[in-house]
N, C-alpha and C. Protein backbone atom coordinates (compact mmCIF):
# COMPACT_ATOMS: atom_id res chain seq x y z
N UNK A 1 -0.08 -15.39 -24.12
CA UNK A 1 0.65 -14.21 -23.74
C UNK A 1 -0.08 -13.47 -22.61
N UNK A 2 -1.41 -13.41 -22.72
CA UNK A 2 -2.19 -12.75 -21.67
C UNK A 2 -2.06 -13.49 -20.34
N UNK A 3 -2.06 -14.80 -20.40
CA UNK A 3 -1.91 -15.60 -19.18
C UNK A 3 -0.54 -15.37 -18.54
N UNK A 4 0.49 -15.30 -19.34
CA UNK A 4 1.84 -15.04 -18.84
C UNK A 4 1.93 -13.66 -18.21
N UNK A 5 1.39 -12.65 -18.87
CA UNK A 5 1.41 -11.30 -18.31
C UNK A 5 0.59 -11.22 -17.02
N UNK A 6 -0.52 -11.93 -16.97
CA UNK A 6 -1.33 -11.97 -15.75
C UNK A 6 -0.58 -12.61 -14.60
N UNK A 7 0.17 -13.68 -14.89
CA UNK A 7 0.96 -14.34 -13.85
C UNK A 7 2.07 -13.44 -13.33
N UNK A 8 2.73 -12.73 -14.23
CA UNK A 8 3.80 -11.81 -13.82
C UNK A 8 3.23 -10.68 -12.98
N UNK A 9 2.08 -10.17 -13.39
CA UNK A 9 1.43 -9.10 -12.64
C UNK A 9 1.01 -9.58 -11.25
N UNK A 10 0.50 -10.79 -11.16
CA UNK A 10 0.09 -11.33 -9.86
C UNK A 10 1.27 -11.46 -8.92
N UNK A 11 2.39 -11.95 -9.42
CA UNK A 11 3.59 -12.08 -8.60
C UNK A 11 4.07 -10.70 -8.16
N UNK A 12 4.02 -9.73 -9.07
CA UNK A 12 4.45 -8.37 -8.73
C UNK A 12 3.56 -7.77 -7.65
N UNK A 13 2.25 -7.98 -7.75
CA UNK A 13 1.34 -7.47 -6.73
C UNK A 13 1.57 -8.16 -5.39
N UNK A 14 1.84 -9.44 -5.41
CA UNK A 14 2.11 -10.17 -4.17
C UNK A 14 3.37 -9.64 -3.51
N UNK A 15 4.43 -9.44 -4.28
CA UNK A 15 5.68 -8.92 -3.74
C UNK A 15 5.48 -7.50 -3.20
N UNK A 16 4.75 -6.68 -3.95
CA UNK A 16 4.48 -5.32 -3.49
C UNK A 16 3.66 -5.32 -2.21
N UNK A 17 2.68 -6.21 -2.12
CA UNK A 17 1.85 -6.30 -0.92
C UNK A 17 2.65 -6.75 0.29
N UNK A 18 3.54 -7.71 0.10
CA UNK A 18 4.39 -8.15 1.20
C UNK A 18 5.32 -7.02 1.63
N UNK A 19 5.79 -6.24 0.67
CA UNK A 19 6.61 -5.06 1.01
C UNK A 19 5.84 -4.06 1.84
N UNK A 20 4.59 -3.81 1.47
CA UNK A 20 3.75 -2.88 2.25
C UNK A 20 3.54 -3.42 3.66
N UNK A 21 3.28 -4.72 3.78
CA UNK A 21 3.06 -5.30 5.09
C UNK A 21 4.31 -5.18 5.96
N UNK A 22 5.48 -5.43 5.38
CA UNK A 22 6.72 -5.31 6.15
C UNK A 22 6.98 -3.88 6.58
N UNK A 23 6.74 -2.93 5.70
CA UNK A 23 6.91 -1.51 6.05
C UNK A 23 5.98 -1.14 7.20
N UNK A 24 4.74 -1.62 7.13
CA UNK A 24 3.78 -1.30 8.18
C UNK A 24 4.15 -1.96 9.50
N UNK A 25 4.65 -3.20 9.46
CA UNK A 25 5.06 -3.87 10.69
C UNK A 25 6.25 -3.16 11.34
N UNK A 26 7.19 -2.68 10.53
CA UNK A 26 8.32 -1.92 11.08
C UNK A 26 7.82 -0.60 11.66
N UNK A 27 6.89 0.03 10.98
CA UNK A 27 6.32 1.28 11.47
C UNK A 27 5.62 1.08 12.82
N UNK A 28 4.91 -0.02 12.96
CA UNK A 28 4.24 -0.33 14.23
C UNK A 28 5.27 -0.52 15.33
N UNK A 29 6.33 -1.24 15.03
CA UNK A 29 7.36 -1.49 16.03
C UNK A 29 8.04 -0.20 16.46
N UNK A 30 8.34 0.67 15.51
CA UNK A 30 9.01 1.92 15.83
C UNK A 30 8.11 2.89 16.59
N UNK A 31 6.81 2.82 16.38
CA UNK A 31 5.89 3.79 16.98
C UNK A 31 5.02 3.19 18.08
N UNK A 32 5.47 2.11 18.68
CA UNK A 32 4.68 1.44 19.71
C UNK A 32 4.37 2.37 20.87
N UNK A 33 5.34 3.11 21.32
CA UNK A 33 5.12 4.03 22.46
C UNK A 33 4.12 5.12 22.09
N UNK A 34 4.24 5.67 20.90
CA UNK A 34 3.29 6.69 20.43
C UNK A 34 1.86 6.13 20.39
N UNK A 35 1.73 4.90 19.95
CA UNK A 35 0.42 4.26 19.88
C UNK A 35 -0.15 4.10 21.29
N UNK A 36 0.70 3.71 22.23
CA UNK A 36 0.27 3.57 23.62
C UNK A 36 -0.20 4.89 24.20
N UNK A 37 0.49 5.96 23.88
CA UNK A 37 0.08 7.29 24.37
C UNK A 37 -1.27 7.67 23.77
N UNK A 38 -1.44 7.41 22.48
CA UNK A 38 -2.73 7.73 21.84
C UNK A 38 -3.86 6.93 22.48
N UNK A 39 -3.60 5.66 22.77
CA UNK A 39 -4.63 4.84 23.41
C UNK A 39 -4.92 5.33 24.83
N UNK A 40 -3.87 5.75 25.53
CA UNK A 40 -4.04 6.20 26.91
C UNK A 40 -4.87 7.49 27.00
N UNK A 41 -4.79 8.33 25.98
CA UNK A 41 -5.57 9.58 26.04
C UNK A 41 -6.92 9.46 25.34
N UNK A 42 -7.29 8.24 24.95
CA UNK A 42 -8.65 8.03 24.50
C UNK A 42 -8.87 7.55 23.08
N UNK A 43 -7.83 7.25 22.34
CA UNK A 43 -8.02 6.73 20.98
C UNK A 43 -8.64 5.34 21.06
N UNK A 44 -9.65 5.13 20.24
CA UNK A 44 -10.31 3.83 20.21
C UNK A 44 -9.58 2.90 19.26
N UNK A 45 -9.93 1.62 19.34
CA UNK A 45 -9.33 0.61 18.46
C UNK A 45 -9.57 0.98 17.00
N UNK A 46 -10.77 1.48 16.71
CA UNK A 46 -11.13 1.89 15.34
C UNK A 46 -10.23 3.01 14.84
N UNK A 47 -9.90 3.98 15.72
CA UNK A 47 -9.05 5.11 15.32
C UNK A 47 -7.65 4.65 14.92
N UNK A 48 -7.09 3.75 15.71
CA UNK A 48 -5.75 3.23 15.41
C UNK A 48 -5.79 2.40 14.12
N UNK A 49 -6.80 1.56 13.98
CA UNK A 49 -6.96 0.74 12.78
C UNK A 49 -7.07 1.62 11.55
N UNK A 50 -7.88 2.66 11.61
CA UNK A 50 -8.06 3.55 10.48
C UNK A 50 -6.77 4.29 10.12
N UNK A 51 -6.03 4.73 11.14
CA UNK A 51 -4.77 5.43 10.89
C UNK A 51 -3.81 4.56 10.09
N UNK A 52 -3.63 3.32 10.51
CA UNK A 52 -2.66 2.46 9.84
C UNK A 52 -3.17 1.95 8.50
N UNK A 53 -4.48 1.76 8.37
CA UNK A 53 -5.02 1.38 7.06
C UNK A 53 -4.82 2.52 6.05
N UNK A 54 -5.08 3.75 6.47
CA UNK A 54 -4.90 4.88 5.56
C UNK A 54 -3.42 5.04 5.18
N UNK A 55 -2.55 4.77 6.12
CA UNK A 55 -1.12 4.83 5.84
C UNK A 55 -0.73 3.79 4.78
N UNK A 56 -1.25 2.58 4.92
CA UNK A 56 -0.96 1.52 3.94
C UNK A 56 -1.53 1.88 2.57
N UNK A 57 -2.72 2.45 2.55
CA UNK A 57 -3.32 2.84 1.27
C UNK A 57 -2.49 3.94 0.61
N UNK A 58 -2.01 4.90 1.40
CA UNK A 58 -1.21 5.98 0.83
C UNK A 58 0.10 5.45 0.25
N UNK A 59 0.72 4.51 0.94
CA UNK A 59 1.96 3.91 0.43
C UNK A 59 1.69 3.22 -0.91
N UNK A 60 0.59 2.47 -0.98
CA UNK A 60 0.29 1.76 -2.23
C UNK A 60 -0.10 2.72 -3.35
N UNK A 61 -0.80 3.81 -3.03
CA UNK A 61 -1.16 4.78 -4.07
C UNK A 61 0.05 5.55 -4.58
N UNK A 62 1.00 5.85 -3.70
CA UNK A 62 2.23 6.51 -4.16
C UNK A 62 3.00 5.56 -5.09
N UNK A 63 3.04 4.28 -4.73
CA UNK A 63 3.67 3.29 -5.61
C UNK A 63 2.95 3.20 -6.94
N UNK A 64 1.62 3.31 -6.90
CA UNK A 64 0.84 3.28 -8.14
C UNK A 64 1.15 4.50 -9.00
N UNK A 65 1.24 5.67 -8.39
CA UNK A 65 1.58 6.89 -9.14
C UNK A 65 2.95 6.79 -9.79
N UNK A 66 3.91 6.24 -9.05
CA UNK A 66 5.25 6.07 -9.62
C UNK A 66 5.20 5.08 -10.79
N UNK A 67 4.47 3.98 -10.61
CA UNK A 67 4.34 3.00 -11.68
C UNK A 67 3.63 3.56 -12.90
N UNK A 68 2.57 4.34 -12.67
CA UNK A 68 1.87 4.96 -13.80
C UNK A 68 2.77 5.96 -14.53
N UNK A 69 3.55 6.70 -13.78
CA UNK A 69 4.47 7.67 -14.39
C UNK A 69 5.47 6.96 -15.29
N UNK A 70 6.08 5.90 -14.76
CA UNK A 70 7.03 5.15 -15.56
C UNK A 70 6.35 4.47 -16.75
N UNK A 71 5.16 3.92 -16.54
CA UNK A 71 4.46 3.23 -17.61
C UNK A 71 4.04 4.16 -18.73
N UNK A 72 3.47 5.30 -18.38
CA UNK A 72 3.04 6.26 -19.40
C UNK A 72 4.25 6.86 -20.11
N UNK A 73 5.31 7.17 -19.35
CA UNK A 73 6.53 7.71 -19.96
C UNK A 73 7.14 6.70 -20.93
N UNK A 74 7.18 5.43 -20.50
CA UNK A 74 7.72 4.39 -21.37
C UNK A 74 6.88 4.21 -22.62
N UNK A 75 5.55 4.27 -22.47
CA UNK A 75 4.67 4.13 -23.63
C UNK A 75 4.86 5.29 -24.60
N UNK A 76 4.99 6.51 -24.07
CA UNK A 76 5.21 7.67 -24.94
C UNK A 76 6.57 7.60 -25.63
N UNK A 77 7.57 7.12 -24.91
CA UNK A 77 8.91 6.97 -25.50
C UNK A 77 8.89 5.94 -26.63
N UNK A 78 8.26 4.81 -26.37
CA UNK A 78 8.15 3.78 -27.42
C UNK A 78 7.35 4.31 -28.60
N UNK A 79 6.32 5.09 -28.30
CA UNK A 79 5.50 5.68 -29.35
C UNK A 79 6.34 6.60 -30.25
N UNK A 80 7.24 7.36 -29.65
CA UNK A 80 8.08 8.28 -30.42
C UNK A 80 9.17 7.55 -31.20
N UNK A 81 9.78 6.56 -30.57
CA UNK A 81 10.91 5.87 -31.20
C UNK A 81 10.49 4.90 -32.30
N UNK A 82 9.37 4.24 -32.13
CA UNK A 82 9.01 3.20 -33.10
C UNK A 82 7.84 3.60 -34.01
N UNK A 83 7.30 4.76 -33.80
CA UNK A 83 6.19 5.24 -34.63
C UNK A 83 5.00 4.29 -34.60
N UNK A 84 4.75 3.68 -33.44
CA UNK A 84 3.58 2.83 -33.27
C UNK A 84 2.55 3.57 -32.42
N UNK A 85 1.32 3.19 -32.56
CA UNK A 85 0.25 3.83 -31.80
C UNK A 85 -0.01 3.04 -30.52
N UNK A 86 0.32 3.64 -29.40
CA UNK A 86 0.06 3.03 -28.11
C UNK A 86 -1.00 3.87 -27.43
N UNK A 87 -2.11 3.25 -27.09
CA UNK A 87 -3.24 3.96 -26.50
C UNK A 87 -3.32 3.63 -25.02
N UNK A 88 -3.41 4.66 -24.20
CA UNK A 88 -3.56 4.48 -22.76
C UNK A 88 -4.98 4.93 -22.41
N UNK A 89 -5.79 4.00 -21.98
CA UNK A 89 -7.19 4.32 -21.69
C UNK A 89 -7.35 4.78 -20.24
N UNK A 90 -8.35 5.59 -20.01
CA UNK A 90 -8.63 6.04 -18.64
C UNK A 90 -9.11 4.87 -17.79
N UNK A 91 -9.72 3.87 -18.42
CA UNK A 91 -10.16 2.69 -17.67
C UNK A 91 -8.98 1.94 -17.06
N UNK A 92 -7.88 1.85 -17.79
CA UNK A 92 -6.71 1.15 -17.25
C UNK A 92 -6.09 1.93 -16.09
N UNK A 93 -6.12 3.24 -16.17
CA UNK A 93 -5.59 4.06 -15.07
C UNK A 93 -6.47 3.91 -13.83
N UNK A 94 -7.78 3.94 -14.01
CA UNK A 94 -8.70 3.76 -12.88
C UNK A 94 -8.56 2.37 -12.29
N UNK A 95 -8.40 1.37 -13.14
CA UNK A 95 -8.20 0.01 -12.66
C UNK A 95 -6.91 -0.11 -11.86
N UNK A 96 -5.84 0.54 -12.32
CA UNK A 96 -4.56 0.51 -11.60
C UNK A 96 -4.71 1.13 -10.22
N UNK A 97 -5.40 2.26 -10.12
CA UNK A 97 -5.61 2.88 -8.81
C UNK A 97 -6.47 2.00 -7.91
N UNK A 98 -7.48 1.37 -8.47
CA UNK A 98 -8.35 0.50 -7.68
C UNK A 98 -7.58 -0.71 -7.15
N UNK A 99 -6.78 -1.30 -8.00
CA UNK A 99 -5.99 -2.46 -7.57
C UNK A 99 -4.96 -2.05 -6.52
N UNK A 100 -4.33 -0.88 -6.71
CA UNK A 100 -3.35 -0.41 -5.73
C UNK A 100 -4.00 -0.17 -4.37
N UNK A 101 -5.17 0.44 -4.35
CA UNK A 101 -5.87 0.67 -3.08
C UNK A 101 -6.28 -0.66 -2.44
N UNK A 102 -6.72 -1.61 -3.25
CA UNK A 102 -7.13 -2.92 -2.73
C UNK A 102 -5.94 -3.66 -2.13
N UNK A 103 -4.80 -3.61 -2.81
CA UNK A 103 -3.59 -4.25 -2.27
C UNK A 103 -3.19 -3.58 -0.96
N UNK A 104 -3.28 -2.25 -0.90
CA UNK A 104 -2.96 -1.53 0.34
C UNK A 104 -3.86 -1.93 1.48
N UNK A 105 -5.16 -2.06 1.20
CA UNK A 105 -6.11 -2.45 2.25
C UNK A 105 -5.86 -3.90 2.67
N UNK A 106 -5.70 -4.78 1.69
CA UNK A 106 -5.55 -6.21 2.00
C UNK A 106 -4.29 -6.49 2.81
N UNK A 107 -3.16 -5.96 2.36
CA UNK A 107 -1.90 -6.26 3.05
C UNK A 107 -1.64 -5.33 4.22
N UNK A 108 -2.36 -4.23 4.32
CA UNK A 108 -2.20 -3.34 5.47
C UNK A 108 -3.13 -3.67 6.61
N UNK A 109 -4.10 -4.55 6.37
CA UNK A 109 -5.08 -4.85 7.41
C UNK A 109 -4.47 -5.60 8.59
N UNK A 110 -3.63 -6.59 8.33
CA UNK A 110 -3.05 -7.37 9.43
C UNK A 110 -2.21 -6.50 10.38
N UNK A 111 -1.25 -5.69 9.87
CA UNK A 111 -0.51 -4.84 10.80
C UNK A 111 -1.41 -3.81 11.51
N UNK A 112 -2.41 -3.30 10.81
CA UNK A 112 -3.31 -2.32 11.43
C UNK A 112 -4.13 -2.97 12.55
N UNK A 113 -4.63 -4.17 12.29
CA UNK A 113 -5.41 -4.86 13.32
C UNK A 113 -4.54 -5.24 14.50
N UNK A 114 -3.32 -5.70 14.21
CA UNK A 114 -2.39 -6.05 15.28
C UNK A 114 -2.10 -4.83 16.16
N UNK A 115 -1.93 -3.69 15.53
CA UNK A 115 -1.65 -2.47 16.26
C UNK A 115 -2.84 -2.03 17.09
N UNK A 116 -4.02 -2.10 16.51
CA UNK A 116 -5.22 -1.64 17.21
C UNK A 116 -5.53 -2.51 18.43
N UNK A 117 -5.08 -3.74 18.42
CA UNK A 117 -5.37 -4.65 19.53
C UNK A 117 -4.28 -4.70 20.59
N UNK A 118 -3.28 -3.84 20.47
CA UNK A 118 -2.22 -3.83 21.47
C UNK A 118 -2.76 -3.38 22.82
N UNK A 119 -2.15 -3.89 23.87
CA UNK A 119 -2.52 -3.50 25.23
C UNK A 119 -1.87 -2.15 25.53
N UNK A 120 -2.65 -1.12 25.89
CA UNK A 120 -2.07 0.21 26.13
C UNK A 120 -0.99 0.23 27.21
N UNK A 121 -1.15 -0.56 28.23
CA UNK A 121 -0.16 -0.59 29.32
C UNK A 121 1.16 -1.16 28.82
N UNK A 122 1.08 -2.24 28.04
CA UNK A 122 2.31 -2.84 27.49
C UNK A 122 2.99 -1.90 26.50
N UNK A 123 2.22 -1.17 25.74
CA UNK A 123 2.82 -0.26 24.76
C UNK A 123 3.51 0.91 25.44
N UNK A 124 2.98 1.36 26.58
CA UNK A 124 3.64 2.46 27.30
C UNK A 124 4.95 2.00 27.94
N UNK A 125 5.03 0.72 28.29
CA UNK A 125 6.28 0.17 28.85
C UNK A 125 7.33 -0.12 27.81
N UNK A 126 6.92 -0.23 26.55
CA UNK A 126 7.82 -0.63 25.46
C UNK A 126 8.92 0.40 25.28
N UNK A 127 10.17 -0.07 25.12
CA UNK A 127 11.30 0.85 24.92
C UNK A 127 11.99 0.56 23.64
């Protein structure tokens, strides 16, 4: 049962990570001109990379908060309806946040790096 739940969780994390990557790639495409302007006025590659990595982490942490809200609410509901003891440990909450941040960093790195390496002249011409 643990192996099955681990496999389902892995697939869910993979799908969520691909979703984060796609959102970030669309964001890069929509904001190409803005990125070019930032580079033209002195933003370094590191600044652009950090901006998009933080954006990816925030998206994944908001998803984690929503998931924790649904999970805790569901556990409390089951606890009330079935009179069973469901314990939610602080370790599991910390682990969920850590995994969410890691997924955000891992899947947000490629779009962030791609953005940071754009040519400023080409980005200013982009329409």
